[in-house]
């Protein structure tokens, strides 16, 4: 997971190309960050889209 101040499409794309499994742009909500961490730790518990 990357926490970054850069949120343009190219920045996000570069983050995923570098191997990140998620990209969070600052400022972020602590609740959103915890939710994303939970999803990474237990993908089976994530709500289906």
Protein backbone atom coordinates (compact mmCIF):
# COMPACT_ATOMS: atom_id res chain seq x y z
CA UNK A 1 0.00 0.00 0.00
CA UNK A 2 1.26 3.44 -0.88
CA UNK A 3 0.25 6.63 0.94
CA UNK A 4 1.08 9.52 -1.36
CA UNK A 5 0.48 13.20 -1.88
CA UNK A 6 0.53 12.70 -5.66
CA UNK A 7 -2.83 11.66 -7.06
CA UNK A 8 -2.65 12.18 -10.81
CA UNK A 9 -3.39 9.17 -13.02
CA UNK A 10 0.28 8.75 -13.96
CA UNK A 11 1.35 8.78 -10.29
CA UNK A 12 -1.21 6.13 -9.34
CA UNK A 13 -0.34 4.03 -12.39
CA UNK A 14 3.37 4.23 -11.54
CA UNK A 15 2.62 3.12 -7.99
CA UNK A 16 0.76 0.04 -9.17
CA UNK A 17 3.46 -0.68 -11.78
CA UNK A 18 6.01 -0.60 -8.94
CA UNK A 19 4.13 -3.41 -7.21
CA UNK A 20 1.76 -1.68 -4.82
CA UNK A 21 -1.49 -3.48 -4.05
CA UNK A 22 -3.30 -0.22 -3.15
CA UNK A 23 -2.70 3.53 -3.52
CA UNK A 24 -4.12 6.06 -1.07
CA UNK A 25 -3.85 9.78 -1.76
CA UNK A 26 -3.39 12.28 1.07
CA UNK A 27 -5.36 13.69 2.71
CA UNK A 28 -7.24 10.52 3.55
CA UNK A 29 -9.85 9.55 6.08
CA UNK A 30 -8.51 7.35 8.90
CA UNK A 31 -11.69 5.26 8.59
CA UNK A 32 -11.06 4.73 4.86
CA UNK A 33 -7.43 3.78 5.55
CA UNK A 34 -8.46 1.20 8.16
CA UNK A 35 -11.05 -0.23 5.76
CA UNK A 36 -8.44 -0.60 3.01
CA UNK A 37 -6.00 -2.26 5.43
CA UNK A 38 -8.72 -4.69 6.53
CA UNK A 39 -9.37 -5.56 2.87
CA UNK A 40 -5.70 -6.22 2.25
CA UNK A 41 -5.37 -8.43 5.33
CA UNK A 42 -8.57 -10.40 4.69
CA UNK A 43 -9.79 -10.08 1.08
CA UNK A 44 -12.51 -12.68 1.69
CA UNK A 45 -14.19 -10.33 4.18
CA UNK A 46 -14.41 -7.47 1.65
CA UNK A 47 -17.92 -6.69 0.43
CA UNK A 48 -18.54 -7.81 -3.14
CA UNK A 49 -19.07 -5.14 -5.75
